[in-house]
Amino acid sequence: MIELRSLRSGYGGREVLHGVSLRFRPGEVLAIAGPNGCGKSTLLRAAAGIGEVMGGEVLLDGAPSSSLSARQIAQKCAYMPQDRPAPSISVRRMALHGRFPYLSYPRRYRPEDYAAVERALERAGALDIADVPIPELSGGQRQRAYLAMALAQEAQTLLMDEPTAFLDISHQLALMDTAASLAREGRAVVMVLHDLPLALRRADRLAVLSAGELLAEGTPEEICALGVIDRAFNVRLRRAETPDGPQYYFA
């Protein structure tokens, strides 16, 4: 489990997050929401051990991240950033990069590494593009390719920054199904989402940020009742009961 304790973080010497405390619990999908520039990506980067920690601490299974090597952190936490390069390698070859935390130098892939990659490709819906070079893929296909690399890492915590970007609606729903499946297996799944109705329908919990501070954290029902989304985004969020469960919309 990853725990943020009074985390202060930012970049270039500028503090963006101001004392955020939050837990990424196994068995749950947590959606991070908030206006642009509020610190959502900064929070994920700090949790993944690649962002600057200016105060407070990040704990991974009770150990401060500062006491762990990059390899140890990568074995516990997989991070899928929002902006990614497009190397001239195949999707399958890139997914193999997810196995780096488990290999010694020089890297020699083992049968279990290839098996983990095939499982990840299937789960990410990327088997059909496994042998296609990354630069030849559409934006949505690249999302699935990078998801496969993150899944191949087989870490207990998966951090994803805007994973539904560029995906059509069917692949957005498939990704949320995958997230729920990973949570049922006991993993912690954390994703930054701008699609608030999707987050409210499909996440177990939401954490709402504004101006670098945590406004509230709770179930979709609790977040809706508190009105924090209305305050953070200056909108009117409404909930309607339907035969398929609660639906959320903006009035």
C-alpha atoms as a PDB file:
ATOM      1  CA  MET A   1       0.000   0.000   0.000  1.00  0.00           C
ATOM      2  CA  ILE A   2       1.125   3.544  -0.746  1.00  0.00           C
ATOM      3  CA  GLU A   3       0.425   6.251   1.793  1.00  0.00           C
ATOM      4  CA  LEU A   4       1.007   9.977   1.383  1.00  0.00           C
ATOM      5  CA  ARG A   5       1.527  11.811   4.653  1.00  0.00           C
ATOM      6  CA  SER A   6       1.269  15.611   4.557  1.00  0.00           C
ATOM      7  CA  LEU A   7       2.922  15.482   1.145  1.00  0.00           C
ATOM      8  CA  ARG A   8       4.338  18.673  -0.297  1.00  0.00           C
ATOM      9  CA  SER A   9       5.577  18.353  -3.838  1.00  0.00           C
ATOM     10  CA  GLY A  10       6.191  20.339  -7.006  1.00  0.00           C
ATOM     11  CA  TYR A  11       8.808  21.024  -9.650  1.00  0.00           C
ATOM     12  CA  GLY A  12      11.408  23.639 -10.472  1.00  0.00           C
ATOM     13  CA  GLY A  13      11.419  24.758  -6.866  1.00  0.00           C
ATOM     14  CA  ARG A  14       7.696  25.640  -6.988  1.00  0.00           C
ATOM     15  CA  GLU A  15       5.420  23.872  -4.521  1.00  0.00           C
ATOM     16  CA  VAL A  16       2.227  22.558  -6.144  1.00  0.00           C
ATOM     17  CA  LEU A  17       0.872  20.183  -3.491  1.00  0.00           C
ATOM     18  CA  HIS A  18       0.400  21.552   0.005  1.00  0.00           C
ATOM     19  CA  GLY A  19       0.230  18.871   2.688  1.00  0.00           C
ATOM     20  CA  VAL A  20      -1.835  16.135   1.017  1.00  0.00           C
ATOM     21  CA  SER A  21      -2.528  12.964   3.032  1.00  0.00           C
ATOM     22  CA  LEU A  22      -4.034  10.034   1.138  1.00  0.00           C
ATOM     23  CA  ARG A  23      -3.914   6.236   1.024  1.00  0.00           C
ATOM     24  CA  PHE A  24      -3.957   4.039  -2.074  1.00  0.00           C
ATOM     25  CA  ARG A  25      -5.701   0.972  -0.703  1.00  0.00           C
ATOM     26  CA  PRO A  26      -5.416  -2.550  -2.152  1.00  0.00           C
ATOM     27  CA  GLY A  27      -8.667  -3.835  -3.601  1.00  0.00           C
ATOM     28  CA  GLU A  28      -9.966  -0.410  -4.680  1.00  0.00           C
ATOM     29  CA  VAL A  29     -10.054   1.833  -7.734  1.00  0.00           C
ATOM     30  CA  LEU A  30      -9.318   5.410  -6.668  1.00  0.00           C
ATOM     31  CA  ALA A  31     -10.006   8.255  -9.099  1.00  0.00           C
ATOM     32  CA  ILE A  32      -8.129  11.535  -8.672  1.00  0.00           C
ATOM     33  CA  ALA A  33     -10.138  14.524  -9.908  1.00  0.00           C
ATOM     34  CA  GLY A  34      -9.685  18.268  -9.907  1.00  0.00           C
ATOM     35  CA  PRO A  35      -9.327  21.326 -12.154  1.00  0.00           C
ATOM     36  CA  ASN A  36      -6.367  21.712 -14.494  1.00  0.00           C
ATOM     37  CA  GLY A  37      -3.181  22.623 -12.661  1.00  0.00           C
ATOM     38  CA  CYS A  38      -4.388  21.513  -9.229  1.00  0.00           C
ATOM     39  CA  GLY A  39      -1.574  18.954  -8.768  1.00  0.00           C
ATOM     40  CA  LYS A  40      -3.041  15.635  -9.916  1.00  0.00           C
ATOM     41  CA  SER A  41      -0.078  14.615 -12.081  1.00  0.00           C
ATOM     42  CA  THR A  42       2.366  15.976  -9.498  1.00  0.00           C
ATOM     43  CA  LEU A  43       0.745  13.732  -6.897  1.00  0.00           C
ATOM     44  CA  LEU A  44       1.136  10.605  -9.047  1.00  0.00           C
ATOM     45  CA  ARG A  45       4.758  11.415  -9.871  1.00  0.00           C
ATOM     46  CA  ALA A  46       5.623  11.889  -6.205  1.00  0.00           C
ATOM     47  CA  ALA A  47       3.866   8.636  -5.301  1.00  0.00           C
ATOM     48  CA  ALA A  48       5.814   6.818  -8.029  1.00  0.00           C
ATOM     49  CA  GLY A  49       9.131   8.074  -6.657  1.00  0.00           C
ATOM     50  CA  ILE A  50       9.992  10.302  -9.634  1.00  0.00           C
ATOM     51  CA  GLY A  51       8.624  13.620  -8.390  1.00  0.00           C
ATOM     52  CA  GLU A  52      10.250  16.045  -5.974  1.00  0.00           C
ATOM     53  CA  VAL A  53       9.163  15.634  -2.344  1.00  0.00           C
ATOM     54  CA  MET A  54       9.478  18.980  -0.597  1.00  0.00           C
ATOM     55  CA  GLY A  55       7.914  17.936   2.675  1.00  0.00           C
ATOM     56  CA  GLY A  56       5.967  15.148   4.316  1.00  0.00           C
ATOM     57  CA  GLU A  57       6.633  11.625   3.095  1.00  0.00           C
ATOM     58  CA  VAL A  58       5.587   8.824   0.773  1.00  0.00           C
ATOM     59  CA  LEU A  59       5.392   5.342   2.326  1.00  0.00           C
ATOM     60  CA  LEU A  60       5.418   2.138   0.289  1.00  0.00           C
ATOM     61  CA  ASP A  61       4.298  -0.807   2.400  1.00  0.00           C
ATOM     62  CA  GLY A  62       5.299   1.227   5.439  1.00  0.00           C
ATOM     63  CA  ALA A  63       8.810   2.104   4.204  1.00  0.00           C
ATOM     64  CA  PRO A  64       9.713   5.687   3.221  1.00  0.00           C
ATOM     65  CA  SER A  65      10.254   5.898  -0.532  1.00  0.00           C
ATOM     66  CA  SER A  66      13.484   7.787   0.166  1.00  0.00           C
ATOM     67  CA  SER A  67      14.901   4.588   1.692  1.00  0.00           C
ATOM     68  CA  LEU A  68      14.129   2.472  -1.400  1.00  0.00           C
ATOM     69  CA  SER A  69      15.997   2.139  -4.685  1.00  0.00           C
ATOM     70  CA  ALA A  70      14.319   2.950  -8.000  1.00  0.00           C
ATOM     71  CA  ARG A  71      14.190  -0.777  -8.726  1.00  0.00           C
ATOM     72  CA  GLN A  72      12.496  -1.554  -5.407  1.00  0.00           C
ATOM     73  CA  ILE A  73       9.913   1.164  -5.992  1.00  0.00           C
ATOM     74  CA  ALA A  74       9.254  -0.109  -9.525  1.00  0.00           C
ATOM     75  CA  GLN A  75       8.595  -3.602  -8.163  1.00  0.00           C
ATOM     76  CA  LYS A  76       5.907  -2.177  -5.901  1.00  0.00           C
ATOM     77  CA  CYS A  77       4.428   0.539  -8.118  1.00  0.00           C
ATOM     78  CA  ALA A  78       3.846   0.850 -11.878  1.00  0.00           C
ATOM     79  CA  TYR A  79       3.366   4.340 -13.303  1.00  0.00           C
ATOM     80  CA  MET A  80       1.722   5.189 -16.629  1.00  0.00           C
ATOM     81  CA  PRO A  81       2.387   8.894 -17.339  1.00  0.00           C
ATOM     82  CA  GLN A  82       0.202  11.224 -19.363  1.00  0.00           C
ATOM     83  CA  ASP A  83       2.905  12.200 -21.878  1.00  0.00           C
ATOM     84  CA  ARG A  84       4.943   9.397 -23.397  1.00  0.00           C
ATOM     85  CA  PRO A  85       7.518   9.030 -26.194  1.00  0.00           C
ATOM     86  CA  ALA A  86       6.921   6.937 -29.307  1.00  0.00           C
ATOM     87  CA  PRO A  87      10.045   4.772 -29.714  1.00  0.00           C
ATOM     88  CA  SER A  88      10.534   2.880 -32.978  1.00  0.00           C
ATOM     89  CA  ILE A  89       9.965  -0.545 -31.445  1.00  0.00           C
ATOM     90  CA  SER A  90       7.030  -2.927 -31.486  1.00  0.00           C
ATOM     91  CA  VAL A  91       4.330  -2.928 -28.841  1.00  0.00           C
ATOM     92  CA  ARG A  92       5.480  -6.342 -27.593  1.00  0.00           C
ATOM     93  CA  ARG A  93       9.088  -5.172 -27.293  1.00  0.00           C
ATOM     94  CA  MET A  94       8.006  -2.092 -25.374  1.00  0.00           C
ATOM     95  CA  ALA A  95       5.821  -4.160 -23.050  1.00  0.00           C
ATOM     96  CA  LEU A  96       8.945  -6.163 -22.209  1.00  0.00           C
ATOM     97  CA  HIS A  97      10.371  -2.957 -20.709  1.00  0.00           C
ATOM     98  CA  GLY A  98       7.863  -3.479 -17.917  1.00  0.00           C
ATOM     99  CA  ARG A  99       9.963  -6.426 -16.798  1.00  0.00           C
ATOM    100  CA  PHE A 100      13.143  -4.352 -16.246  1.00  0.00           C
ATOM    101  CA  PRO A 101      12.674  -4.089 -12.442  1.00  0.00           C
ATOM    102  CA  TYR A 102      13.058  -7.874 -12.191  1.00  0.00           C
ATOM    103  CA  LEU A 103      16.134  -8.294 -14.401  1.00  0.00           C
ATOM    104  CA  SER A 104      19.805  -8.043 -13.574  1.00  0.00           C
ATOM    105  CA  TYR A 105      22.362  -6.525 -15.935  1.00  0.00           C
ATOM    106  CA  PRO A 106      22.919  -7.479 -18.720  1.00  0.00           C
ATOM    107  CA  ARG A 107      19.173  -7.923 -19.237  1.00  0.00           C
ATOM    108  CA  ARG A 108      18.202 -11.410 -20.318  1.00  0.00           C
ATOM    109  CA  TYR A 109      14.493 -12.116 -20.508  1.00  0.00           C
ATOM    110  CA  ARG A 110      13.278 -15.327 -18.910  1.00  0.00           C
ATOM    111  CA  PRO A 111      10.297 -17.481 -19.915  1.00  0.00           C
ATOM    112  CA  GLU A 112       8.267 -15.958 -17.071  1.00  0.00           C
ATOM    113  CA  ASP A 113       8.953 -12.464 -18.487  1.00  0.00           C
ATOM    114  CA  TYR A 114       7.608 -13.390 -21.914  1.00  0.00           C
ATOM    115  CA  ALA A 115       4.592 -15.027 -20.276  1.00  0.00           C
ATOM    116  CA  ALA A 116       3.891 -11.912 -18.198  1.00  0.00           C
ATOM    117  CA  VAL A 117       4.027  -9.750 -21.329  1.00  0.00           C
ATOM    118  CA  GLU A 118       1.565 -11.956 -23.210  1.00  0.00           C
ATOM    119  CA  ARG A 119      -0.855 -11.776 -20.273  1.00  0.00           C
ATOM    120  CA  ALA A 120      -0.452  -8.007 -20.163  1.00  0.00           C
ATOM    121  CA  LEU A 121      -1.019  -7.604 -23.908  1.00  0.00           C
ATOM    122  CA  GLU A 122      -4.203  -9.635 -23.720  1.00  0.00           C
ATOM    123  CA  ARG A 123      -5.499  -7.768 -20.684  1.00  0.00           C
ATOM    124  CA  ALA A 124      -4.772  -4.393 -22.284  1.00  0.00           C
ATOM    125  CA  GLY A 125      -6.542  -5.398 -25.495  1.00  0.00           C
ATOM    126  CA  ALA A 126      -3.278  -5.011 -27.380  1.00  0.00           C
ATOM    127  CA  LEU A 127      -2.638  -8.481 -28.785  1.00  0.00           C
ATOM    128  CA  ASP A 128      -3.832  -7.384 -32.225  1.00  0.00           C
ATOM    129  CA  ILE A 129      -1.182  -4.635 -32.359  1.00  0.00           C
ATOM    130  CA  ALA A 130       1.606  -6.496 -30.551  1.00  0.00           C
ATOM    131  CA  ASP A 131       3.956  -6.527 -33.553  1.00  0.00           C
ATOM    132  CA  VAL A 132       3.186  -3.000 -34.815  1.00  0.00           C
ATOM    133  CA  PRO A 133       5.823  -0.259 -34.295  1.00  0.00           C
ATOM    134  CA  ILE A 134       4.708   2.384 -31.789  1.00  0.00           C
ATOM    135  CA  PRO A 135       4.988   5.353 -34.227  1.00  0.00           C
ATOM    136  CA  GLU A 136       2.458   3.695 -36.552  1.00  0.00           C
ATOM    137  CA  LEU A 137      -0.256   3.518 -33.884  1.00  0.00           C
ATOM    138  CA  SER A 138      -3.162   5.864 -33.310  1.00  0.00           C
ATOM    139  CA  GLY A 139      -3.434   7.734 -30.017  1.00  0.00           C
ATOM    140  CA  GLY A 140      -5.868   5.186 -28.605  1.00  0.00           C
ATOM    141  CA  GLN A 141      -3.705   2.272 -29.670  1.00  0.00           C
ATOM    142  CA  ARG A 142      -0.688   3.855 -28.000  1.00  0.00           C
ATOM    143  CA  GLN A 143      -2.681   4.129 -24.788  1.00  0.00           C
ATOM    144  CA  ARG A 144      -3.318   0.384 -24.903  1.00  0.00           C
ATOM    145  CA  ALA A 145       0.339  -0.288 -25.664  1.00  0.00           C
ATOM    146  CA  TYR A 146       1.546   1.693 -22.669  1.00  0.00           C
ATOM    147  CA  LEU A 147      -1.088   0.085 -20.480  1.00  0.00           C
ATOM    148  CA  ALA A 148       0.336  -3.297 -21.503  1.00  0.00           C
ATOM    149  CA  MET A 149       3.809  -2.191 -20.401  1.00  0.00           C
ATOM    150  CA  ALA A 150       2.464  -1.037 -17.027  1.00  0.00           C
ATOM    151  CA  LEU A 151       0.544  -4.284 -16.536  1.00  0.00           C
ATOM    152  CA  ALA A 152       3.621  -6.352 -17.445  1.00  0.00           C
ATOM    153  CA  GLN A 153       5.339  -4.809 -14.436  1.00  0.00           C
ATOM    154  CA  GLU A 154       2.933  -6.791 -12.196  1.00  0.00           C
ATOM    155  CA  ALA A 155       3.222  -4.304  -9.345  1.00  0.00           C
ATOM    156  CA  GLN A 156       0.697  -4.224  -6.525  1.00  0.00           C
ATOM    157  CA  THR A 157      -0.096  -0.556  -7.157  1.00  0.00           C
ATOM    158  CA  LEU A 158      -0.887   0.831 -10.602  1.00  0.00           C
ATOM    159  CA  LEU A 159      -0.825   4.613 -11.120  1.00  0.00           C
ATOM    160  CA  MET A 160      -2.326   5.935 -14.374  1.00  0.00           C
ATOM    161  CA  ASP A 161      -2.423   9.565 -15.495  1.00  0.00           C
ATOM    162  CA  GLU A 162      -5.355  10.165 -17.875  1.00  0.00           C
ATOM    163  CA  PRO A 163      -5.473   6.546 -19.142  1.00  0.00           C
ATOM    164  CA  THR A 164      -8.765   7.078 -21.015  1.00  0.00           C
ATOM    165  CA  ALA A 165      -7.367   9.900 -23.178  1.00  0.00           C
ATOM    166  CA  PHE A 166      -7.689   9.114 -26.911  1.00  0.00           C
ATOM    167  CA  LEU A 167      -9.727   5.968 -26.215  1.00  0.00           C
ATOM    168  CA  ASP A 168     -13.128   5.506 -27.814  1.00  0.00           C
ATOM    169  CA  ILE A 169     -16.031   4.803 -25.475  1.00  0.00           C
ATOM    170  CA  SER A 170     -15.840   1.012 -25.799  1.00  0.00           C
ATOM    171  CA  HIS A 171     -12.145   0.993 -24.884  1.00  0.00           C
ATOM    172  CA  GLN A 172     -12.753   3.467 -22.044  1.00  0.00           C
ATOM    173  CA  LEU A 173     -15.272   1.072 -20.529  1.00  0.00           C
ATOM    174  CA  ALA A 174     -12.967  -1.890 -21.170  1.00  0.00           C
ATOM    175  CA  LEU A 175     -10.170  -0.084 -19.337  1.00  0.00           C
ATOM    176  CA  MET A 176     -12.440   0.598 -16.366  1.00  0.00           C
ATOM    177  CA  ASP A 177     -13.415  -3.083 -16.370  1.00  0.00           C
ATOM    178  CA  THR A 178      -9.714  -3.990 -16.322  1.00  0.00           C
ATOM    179  CA  ALA A 179      -9.139  -1.605 -13.416  1.00  0.00           C
ATOM    180  CA  ALA A 180     -12.004  -3.180 -11.466  1.00  0.00           C
ATOM    181  CA  SER A 181     -10.641  -6.656 -12.207  1.00  0.00           C
ATOM    182  CA  LEU A 182      -7.179  -5.693 -10.945  1.00  0.00           C
ATOM    183  CA  ALA A 183      -8.728  -4.281  -7.773  1.00  0.00           C
ATOM    184  CA  ARG A 184     -10.645  -7.511  -7.184  1.00  0.00           C
ATOM    185  CA  GLU A 185      -7.300  -9.311  -7.314  1.00  0.00           C
ATOM    186  CA  GLY A 186      -6.130  -7.153  -4.420  1.00  0.00           C
ATOM    187  CA  ARG A 187      -4.209  -4.438  -6.265  1.00  0.00           C
ATOM    188  CA  ALA A 188      -4.531  -0.715  -5.709  1.00  0.00           C
ATOM    189  CA  VAL A 189      -5.509   1.100  -8.905  1.00  0.00           C
ATOM    190  CA  VAL A 190      -5.197   4.896  -8.973  1.00  0.00           C
ATOM    191  CA  MET A 191      -6.126   6.944 -12.016  1.00  0.00           C
ATOM    192  CA  VAL A 192      -6.370  10.627 -12.832  1.00  0.00           C
ATOM    193  CA  LEU A 193      -9.632  11.138 -14.719  1.00  0.00           C
ATOM    194  CA  HIS A 194     -11.173  14.240 -16.260  1.00  0.00           C
ATOM    195  CA  ASP A 195     -14.391  12.410 -17.153  1.00  0.00           C
ATOM    196  CA  LEU A 196     -16.177  12.961 -13.834  1.00  0.00           C
ATOM    197  CA  PRO A 197     -19.390  11.014 -14.646  1.00  0.00           C
ATOM    198  CA  LEU A 198     -17.223   8.026 -15.640  1.00  0.00           C
ATOM    199  CA  ALA A 199     -15.165   8.342 -12.444  1.00  0.00           C
ATOM    200  CA  LEU A 200     -18.297   8.585 -10.292  1.00  0.00           C
ATOM    201  CA  ARG A 201     -19.895   5.572 -11.950  1.00  0.00           C
ATOM    202  CA  ARG A 202     -16.929   3.246 -12.020  1.00  0.00           C
ATOM    203  CA  ALA A 203     -14.454   4.170  -9.235  1.00  0.00           C
ATOM    204  CA  ASP A 204     -14.734   2.863  -5.680  1.00  0.00           C
ATOM    205  CA  ARG A 205     -13.488   6.148  -4.237  1.00  0.00           C
ATOM    206  CA  LEU A 206     -12.685   9.654  -5.418  1.00  0.00           C
ATOM    207  CA  ALA A 207     -10.141  12.155  -4.179  1.00  0.00           C
ATOM    208  CA  VAL A 208     -10.889  15.738  -5.221  1.00  0.00           C
ATOM    209  CA  LEU A 209      -8.023  18.235  -5.388  1.00  0.00           C
ATOM    210  CA  SER A 210      -8.158  22.000  -5.768  1.00  0.00           C
ATOM    211  CA  ALA A 211      -5.272  24.471  -5.741  1.00  0.00           C
ATOM    212  CA  GLY A 212      -2.869  21.796  -4.488  1.00  0.00           C
ATOM    213  CA  GLU A 213      -5.002  20.740  -1.525  1.00  0.00           C
ATOM    214  CA  LEU A 214      -7.205  17.696  -0.913  1.00  0.00           C
ATOM    215  CA  LEU A 215     -10.782  18.927  -0.624  1.00  0.00           C
ATOM    216  CA  ALA A 216     -12.356  15.555   0.145  1.00  0.00           C
ATOM    217  CA  GLU A 217     -11.968  11.822  -0.331  1.00  0.00           C
ATOM    218  CA  GLY A 218     -14.706   9.202  -0.207  1.00  0.00           C
ATOM    219  CA  THR A 219     -17.158   7.060  -2.111  1.00  0.00           C
ATOM    220  CA  PRO A 220     -18.978   8.561  -5.113  1.00  0.00           C
ATOM    221  CA  GLU A 221     -22.105   8.891  -2.963  1.00  0.00           C
ATOM    222  CA  GLU A 222     -20.203  10.723  -0.232  1.00  0.00           C
ATOM    223  CA  ILE A 223     -18.439  13.026  -2.694  1.00  0.00           C
ATOM    224  CA  CYS A 224     -21.713  13.883  -4.413  1.00  0.00           C
ATOM    225  CA  ALA A 225     -23.445  14.600  -1.087  1.00  0.00           C
ATOM    226  CA  LEU A 226     -20.607  16.865   0.089  1.00  0.00           C
ATOM    227  CA  GLY A 227     -20.850  19.074  -2.987  1.00  0.00           C
ATOM    228  CA  VAL A 228     -17.066  19.300  -3.357  1.00  0.00           C
ATOM    229  CA  ILE A 229     -17.158  18.774  -7.130  1.00  0.00           C
ATOM    230  CA  ASP A 230     -19.561  21.709  -7.423  1.00  0.00           C
ATOM    231  CA  ARG A 231     -17.112  23.908  -5.492  1.00  0.00           C
ATOM    232  CA  ALA A 232     -13.958  22.666  -7.210  1.00  0.00           C
ATOM    233  CA  PHE A 233     -15.273  23.014 -10.763  1.00  0.00           C
ATOM    234  CA  ASN A 234     -17.981  25.666 -10.313  1.00  0.00           C
ATOM    235  CA  VAL A 235     -20.642  23.326 -11.697  1.00  0.00           C
ATOM    236  CA  ARG A 236     -23.876  21.702 -10.481  1.00  0.00           C
ATOM    237  CA  LEU A 237     -23.456  17.931 -10.173  1.00  0.00           C
ATOM    238  CA  ARG A 238     -26.643  15.893  -9.976  1.00  0.00           C
ATOM    239  CA  ARG A 239     -27.355  12.215  -9.345  1.00  0.00           C
ATOM    240  CA  ALA A 240     -30.251  10.222 -10.792  1.00  0.00           C
ATOM    241  CA  GLU A 241     -31.277   6.688  -9.857  1.00  0.00           C
ATOM    242  CA  THR A 242     -31.824   4.396 -12.847  1.00  0.00           C
ATOM    243  CA  PRO A 243     -32.454   0.643 -13.301  1.00  0.00           C
ATOM    244  CA  ASP A 244     -28.743   0.347 -14.142  1.00  0.00           C
ATOM    245  CA  GLY A 245     -27.651   2.133 -10.986  1.00  0.00           C
ATOM    246  CA  PRO A 246     -26.909   5.782 -10.167  1.00  0.00           C
ATOM    247  CA  GLN A 247     -26.025   8.086 -13.034  1.00  0.00           C
ATOM    248  CA  TYR A 248     -24.318  11.466 -12.654  1.00  0.00           C
ATOM    249  CA  TYR A 249     -24.753  14.535 -14.800  1.00  0.00           C
ATOM    250  CA  PHE A 250     -24.226  18.294 -14.720  1.00  0.00           C
ATOM    251  CA  ALA A 251     -27.222  20.604 -14.562  1.00  0.00           C
END
